[in-house]
C-alpha cells in the first residue's frame, strides 16, 4: 500500500483559518473629527456613511459598527469614548479588522498608537489605514506606522504652536476671541474687528453676581 503524506492546510494569517475555509472578517470603521464645527460635522457624517458603505460592499467582510468621536483631539486616547469602546470590543474578540482614514485619525501620539496596535495584534485584530495603505499585520506595517505616527505627532504639535502663537498675536493687537454663547454679559459687535459690546439684559445679572460675591455669599447661594 503506497504511503500517503498529509499536507496541512495553509493558514491564512489574517483570519487564522485554513485557506479552504472562507470566513468573513468582522470589520469595524473608525471616524474622528477634532472640532464640533458645522464644517467638521459634515466631514464626520460623510466619514461614517463612507465606512458603512465600504464595509458592506465587500463580500468578504461582515459589518460590525462604525465607532465615532466628535470634537476630540487625537493627541491622547483618554477622552475618546468611541475609540475606547472600539478597542474594548476588539480585545474581547468581536472585531477582526478596523478600517480608518489615516494614521492621524487613529492617534497623533506615537506611544499611544504603537501600544494600541500591539495590543490589537496580540488579540488577532488588524488595523488598515486607508490613506497610507498600511495593514498592521504586514511585515513592514509597524515600521511604516512608527514613521507616520511620529510625523502626525509632530504635525499636531506644530499646529498647536501655530494656534497658540496666533492667539498671542491677537491679544497683543488688542483683538479678543470670546465664546459668546457661554460668555455672560457681552455679545459680538457688528464689526468683528471691534471690541465686544455689553448686553444690557445680561449686564444686570453680572452686576448682581459680583455684588452678591462682594457681600460674602458663596457660589451656591449666588446661583439660587
Protein backbone atom coordinates (compact mmCIF):
# COMPACT_ATOMS: atom_id res chain seq x y z
CA UNK A 1 0.00 0.00 0.00
CA UNK A 2 1.50 3.36 -1.01
CA UNK A 3 2.43 5.76 1.78
CA UNK A 4 0.18 8.81 1.94
CA UNK A 5 1.68 12.11 3.12
CA UNK A 6 -0.74 14.53 4.72
CA UNK A 7 -0.06 18.14 3.75
CA UNK A 8 -1.51 20.54 6.32
CA UNK A 9 -3.78 23.29 5.08
CA UNK A 10 -2.26 26.73 4.61
CA UNK A 11 -3.38 29.02 7.42
CA UNK A 12 -4.49 32.50 6.46
CA UNK A 13 -2.56 34.87 8.79
CA UNK A 14 -5.44 37.37 8.82
CA UNK A 15 -8.37 35.06 9.52
CA UNK A 16 -6.28 32.31 11.23
CA UNK A 17 -8.35 29.74 9.35
CA UNK A 18 -7.39 27.24 6.62
CA UNK A 19 -7.39 28.85 3.18
CA UNK A 20 -10.11 26.47 2.02
CA UNK A 21 -12.49 27.87 4.62
CA UNK A 22 -13.57 31.36 3.58
CA UNK A 23 -14.83 33.05 6.73
CA UNK A 24 -15.98 36.63 6.62
CA UNK A 25 -13.86 39.07 8.58
CA UNK A 26 -15.77 41.11 11.15
CA UNK A 27 -14.93 44.69 10.22
CA UNK A 28 -15.46 47.99 12.02
CA UNK A 29 -14.78 51.55 10.92
CA UNK A 30 -13.44 54.42 13.00
CA UNK A 31 -14.14 58.10 12.28
CA UNK A 32 -12.97 61.12 14.27
CA UNK A 33 -13.09 64.89 13.85
CA UNK A 34 -11.21 67.17 16.23
CA UNK A 35 -13.74 70.04 16.42
CA UNK A 36 -17.52 70.26 16.61
CA UNK A 37 -17.96 72.96 13.96
CA UNK A 38 -20.63 72.60 11.26
CA UNK A 39 -17.98 72.06 8.60
CA UNK A 40 -16.34 69.29 10.57
CA UNK A 41 -19.74 67.75 11.34
CA UNK A 42 -20.36 67.40 7.60
CA UNK A 43 -17.00 65.66 7.27
CA UNK A 44 -17.85 63.45 10.24
CA UNK A 45 -21.21 62.39 8.79
CA UNK A 46 -19.59 61.71 5.42
CA UNK A 47 -16.89 59.55 7.05
CA UNK A 48 -19.48 57.50 8.92
CA UNK A 49 -21.52 56.89 5.78
CA UNK A 50 -18.39 56.13 3.75
CA UNK A 51 -17.13 53.39 6.08
CA UNK A 52 -20.57 51.85 6.41
CA UNK A 53 -20.88 51.57 2.63
CA UNK A 54 -17.25 50.46 2.17
CA UNK A 55 -17.57 47.57 4.61
CA UNK A 56 -20.99 46.43 3.38
CA UNK A 57 -19.77 46.46 -0.25
CA UNK A 58 -17.04 43.88 0.42
CA UNK A 59 -18.44 40.32 0.20
CA UNK A 60 -15.61 39.01 2.41
CA UNK A 61 -16.41 41.46 5.22
CA UNK A 62 -19.12 41.43 7.83
CA UNK A 63 -20.16 44.87 9.09
CA UNK A 64 -19.82 45.33 12.85
CA UNK A 65 -20.10 49.04 13.61
CA UNK A 66 -18.66 52.47 12.85
CA UNK A 67 -17.17 53.87 16.06
CA UNK A 68 -17.00 57.64 16.27
CA UNK A 69 -15.58 60.56 18.25
CA UNK A 70 -16.67 64.17 17.68
CA UNK A 71 -14.81 67.28 18.79
CA UNK A 72 -11.97 65.25 20.30
CA UNK A 73 -8.24 65.70 19.77
CA UNK A 74 -6.15 62.72 18.71
CA UNK A 75 -3.20 63.62 20.95
CA UNK A 76 -4.25 61.06 23.56
CA UNK A 77 -6.87 58.35 23.88
CA UNK A 78 -8.15 59.09 27.39
CA UNK A 79 -11.21 61.17 26.42
CA UNK A 80 -12.11 59.30 23.23
CA UNK A 81 -15.05 57.17 24.31
CA UNK A 82 -15.77 55.83 20.83
CA UNK A 83 -12.15 54.80 20.37
CA UNK A 84 -12.01 53.11 23.78
CA UNK A 85 -15.25 51.23 23.10
CA UNK A 86 -13.87 50.01 19.77
CA UNK A 87 -10.62 48.79 21.35
CA UNK A 88 -12.52 47.04 24.16
CA UNK A 89 -14.74 45.24 21.62
CA UNK A 90 -11.73 44.23 19.55
CA UNK A 91 -9.83 42.89 22.57
CA UNK A 92 -12.96 40.98 23.56
CA UNK A 93 -12.81 39.19 20.19
CA UNK A 94 -15.69 40.94 18.41
CA UNK A 95 -13.68 42.68 15.66
CA UNK A 96 -11.16 41.19 13.21
CA UNK A 97 -10.31 44.31 11.23
CA UNK A 98 -10.55 48.06 11.91
CA UNK A 99 -10.63 50.40 8.92
CA UNK A 100 -9.80 54.08 9.42
CA UNK A 101 -8.92 57.02 7.20
CA UNK A 102 -5.32 57.63 8.21
CA UNK A 103 -2.75 57.34 10.98
CA UNK A 104 -3.55 60.81 12.36
CA UNK A 105 -7.25 59.90 12.65
CA UNK A 106 -6.31 56.90 14.78
CA UNK A 107 -3.86 58.71 17.07
CA UNK A 108 -1.37 61.59 16.86
CA UNK A 109 0.60 60.25 19.79
CA UNK A 110 3.23 57.73 18.69
CA UNK A 111 3.34 55.91 22.04
CA UNK A 112 -0.46 55.51 22.23
CA UNK A 113 -0.64 54.44 18.61
CA UNK A 114 2.01 51.71 18.80
CA UNK A 115 0.83 50.47 22.21
CA UNK A 116 -2.74 50.09 20.93
CA UNK A 117 -1.66 48.45 17.65
CA UNK A 118 0.43 45.86 19.52
CA UNK A 119 -2.41 45.06 21.92
CA UNK A 120 -4.78 44.59 18.98
CA UNK A 121 -2.25 42.44 17.14
CA UNK A 122 -1.95 40.09 20.13
CA UNK A 123 -5.74 39.79 20.17
CA UNK A 124 -5.82 38.99 16.44
CA UNK A 125 -7.25 42.33 15.29
CA UNK A 126 -5.67 44.12 12.35
CA UNK A 127 -5.91 47.83 11.53
CA UNK A 128 -5.98 49.17 7.98
CA UNK A 129 -5.02 52.81 7.39
CA UNK A 130 -6.58 53.57 4.05
CA UNK A 131 -4.76 56.77 3.11
CA UNK A 132 -1.30 55.32 3.77
CA UNK A 133 -2.34 51.81 2.61
CA UNK A 134 -0.86 50.24 5.76
CA UNK A 135 -2.04 46.88 7.12
CA UNK A 136 -0.65 46.29 10.61
CA UNK A 137 -0.28 42.52 10.05
CA UNK A 138 2.06 43.25 7.16
CA UNK A 139 5.76 42.70 7.91
CA UNK A 140 6.61 46.35 7.23
CA UNK A 141 3.44 47.66 8.87
CA UNK A 142 4.88 48.59 12.27
CA UNK A 143 7.93 50.34 10.79
CA UNK A 144 5.76 52.44 8.48
CA UNK A 145 3.32 53.08 11.31
CA UNK A 146 6.10 54.31 13.61
CA UNK A 147 7.28 56.76 10.96
CA UNK A 148 3.78 58.00 10.10
CA UNK A 149 2.72 58.30 13.76
CA UNK A 150 5.83 60.34 14.55
CA UNK A 151 5.09 62.66 11.64
CA UNK A 152 1.46 63.01 12.74
CA UNK A 153 2.52 63.81 16.31
CA UNK A 154 4.97 66.45 15.11
CA UNK A 155 2.33 67.93 12.81
CA UNK A 156 -0.13 68.17 15.70
CA UNK A 157 2.47 69.86 17.92
CA UNK A 158 3.30 72.33 15.15
CA UNK A 159 -0.39 73.16 14.61
CA UNK A 160 -0.86 73.66 18.35
CA UNK A 161 2.12 76.03 18.49
CA UNK A 162 0.85 77.98 15.48
CA UNK A 163 -2.62 78.34 17.02
CA UNK A 164 -1.17 79.46 20.36
CA UNK A 165 1.15 81.90 18.60
CA UNK A 166 -1.75 83.30 16.60
CA UNK A 167 -3.82 83.81 19.75
CA UNK A 168 -0.95 85.61 21.48
CA UNK A 169 -0.54 87.89 18.46
CA UNK A 170 -4.27 88.70 18.53
CA UNK A 171 -4.10 89.50 22.24
CA UNK A 172 -1.09 91.78 21.70
CA UNK A 173 -3.03 93.57 18.94
CA UNK A 174 -5.96 94.05 21.30
CA UNK A 175 -8.17 91.54 19.48
CA UNK A 176 -10.10 89.19 21.75
CA UNK A 177 -11.85 85.97 20.77
CA UNK A 178 -14.64 85.04 23.18
CA UNK A 179 -17.02 82.06 23.33
CA UNK A 180 -20.06 84.33 23.19
CA UNK A 181 -22.60 81.53 23.61
CA UNK A 182 -21.09 80.71 27.02
CA UNK A 183 -19.95 84.24 27.91
CA UNK A 184 -22.41 86.20 30.04
CA UNK A 185 -22.68 89.97 29.75
CA UNK A 186 -21.16 90.57 26.32
CA UNK A 187 -22.06 89.93 22.71
CA UNK A 188 -20.26 90.15 19.40
CA UNK A 189 -20.17 93.57 17.77
CA UNK A 190 -21.46 94.01 14.22
CA UNK A 191 -17.91 94.68 13.06
CA UNK A 192 -15.85 91.65 14.04
CA UNK A 193 -12.75 93.86 14.46
CA UNK A 194 -14.46 95.99 17.10
CA UNK A 195 -14.38 95.03 20.79
CA UNK A 196 -17.34 93.12 22.26
CA UNK A 197 -20.36 95.16 23.34
CA UNK A 198 -22.25 94.95 26.62
CA UNK A 199 -25.55 93.06 26.60
CA UNK A 200 -27.79 95.28 28.80
CA UNK A 201 -30.08 92.48 29.99
CA UNK A 202 -27.23 90.15 30.89
CA UNK A 203 -25.26 93.01 32.46
CA UNK A 204 -27.91 93.25 35.21
CA UNK A 205 -27.25 89.60 36.11
CA UNK A 206 -23.47 90.05 36.03
CA UNK A 207 -23.65 93.06 38.38
CA UNK A 208 -25.89 91.13 40.76
CA UNK A 209 -23.43 88.20 40.80
CA UNK A 210 -20.49 90.47 41.64
CA UNK A 211 -22.48 92.40 44.24
CA UNK A 212 -23.51 89.15 45.96
CA UNK A 213 -19.92 87.94 45.92
CA UNK A 214 -18.69 91.18 47.48
CA UNK A 215 -21.33 90.73 50.19
CA UNK A 216 -19.69 87.43 51.09
CA UNK A 217 -22.10 84.97 49.50
CA UNK A 218 -20.71 81.66 48.21
CA UNK A 219 -21.24 80.38 44.67
CA UNK A 220 -24.11 78.04 45.63
CA UNK A 221 -26.04 80.85 47.31
CA UNK A 222 -25.47 83.20 44.37
CA UNK A 223 -26.71 80.58 41.90
CA UNK A 224 -30.03 80.32 43.74
